[in-house]
Amino acid sequence: GKCDADPDIEVDAADEQERYAIGGTEELSARMAMTLVRLNQQDGSGDWPGFMPGVECTSTAGDLWALGDVERLQLAGAMACKAFREAAANLSAAQDELQSATSRLAECEELLEKAVLSEKQIIAVTLTGASIYAKTLLDWKPQVLLVEEAAEVLESHLIAAIGPSVRHIIQIGDHFQLPPRVETHVLKSHFFGTSQMQRLISLGYPHVTLKRQGRMLDTMLPLLKPIYPLLETNTAAIKKADLKPVPDLKSEVFWWDCKGEMIVGRSMSNPLEAERAVRLALYLISRGMHPQKVTLLAAYSAQASRMKELLAKQLPPLLETLGRFEPLRSVVLSVYLEAEGQVEVGEDGLPRFASGLRWQKALVDERGAPVVAGMYEAKTCERNGKTLTRLEPVGLPSALTVGVHTIDRFQGDENDVVIVSLVQSKSKDVEFGQHGIGFLGTPEGRNRLCVALSRGRRGAYLIGNSDWLRYGRGTVTHWHELFKILDERG
């Protein structure tokens, strides 16, 4: 017989009976399976009764007993193909119904959003959100657009948020700090990384500059005078915040000169500077400062990584000595968490998973003792025929860690004490006086210096090679201005 749906598939009953007698059921089943696969790949234009001439899918039980083995397999194939077609038709109908329901749901959500927004006078949204909900915002027809941190926003992103109904744009930001981040050098060379706020100010567009700060101690303000010459301190705000100098240090600001060698790679690092920065942080913690009140900043990501490694080794023993941290040990829990990977156990005993898994009960070990707060790696283990979770210690809980960041990543944040490693120093095969200082000697280097000097509330401590930065080739005036201020402070 021949399958009408596919002229290329031949099914000869006599030939199959002969093969069945010779090769057994396995070969026959394999050939029939291949036939069904071919049939399932058809586009639905054929009629299936021709699959087995003379045999209908509606045969009764008596008819089935009269069929031979090959005919039974053919009938099963025809029935399977019929069921496949019916299931495919049902699936297609279900898909159409789902798509229709999804469209109706989207329309209802849009109507609900419009109803809610029609009652609001102010809407807060990220620039990404403004792009996603562009149609909704167009329907809402805002007339005033206020942009916070406008100096960090790409102009192309801002333009996407400006609808035809906007009549007034207010931009708030600090163009003396870091500009929008652009990874492509070609775009950057064409000023793609210049914010609209910066561009308008550069063209002489009217703007207002705030002249009072309430973040840092007044004695730290001279560091920022070259950048903000009219800046004054809001003494009432400082008094209300109860900001006081760091104890056991002579000054709220100092430069720790370091002649360590810089390691050049994909990013830069300076081992001696990293060691000094970590030691200064540990000293402050040993004198009673909470670890979270100290932040280490680095001009390069490799230096930030190096300082994190040093802290991971040196901070836990110090906190143990001070009695502020109980040593972590491997522990088998009384339950199975159904997740592996990094997990932080808080002081309340509740785990916080990097994977996002939620767990509402405080963890205890198999003996019923509470688990010590800290960072762990969760692994599956077997104990007495039960599947449980073993926690292997990794490090301190986040509440006891010192923050380490690049200068760029810390823009917009602040802390009581900021320790800055500038990294740039002598390296192999580079002669003093003929050296450059990388991006620290560019106009953007001035922006980074501004960020680094303005993050600390009670103390800002810089570590670097002053001669290398002062006399580097291409160095712009901001370093000379800084060293002049520091020299005057003594």
Foldseek 3Di string as FASTA:
>chain_A
DAFQQDRVDDDDPVVLVVCCVVVNDVVSVVVLVVVLVVLLPGPPPGDLVVLQPPDDLPDDPVVLVVDDPSVNSSSVSSVVSVVSVVVVVVVVVVVVVVVVVVVVVVVVVLVVLLVVLLPDDDDDDDLVRCLVCVVSCQVSLDAEAEAEQQQQDFQVSVVSNDDPSHNYYHYYHDVLAFFHDDDDVVCVVVVRRGGPVNVCVVVVNDDDDDAEDLFADQQLVVLCCVPRVRHHYPVVSVVVVVFDAQPPDPDQEAEAADQFAWDDDPKIAGVVLLVVLLVVLLVSVLVPDAQAQEAEAEQIPVHLVSNVVVCQPPVVVSCVVVVNFDDAAKFWWLAAPPDWAKWWQDPQQFIQDPVRDGDDDRIAGNVRHGHGTAMWTWDWDADPNDITIMTHGDGGHPSRHHHGYYLVVCQPAAHAEYEYEHRFHHYPPDDQLAAARPCCQPSNVSNSSSSQSPRHHRHHYYYYNLSCQVRHPSHDCSSVSSVVVNVVVD
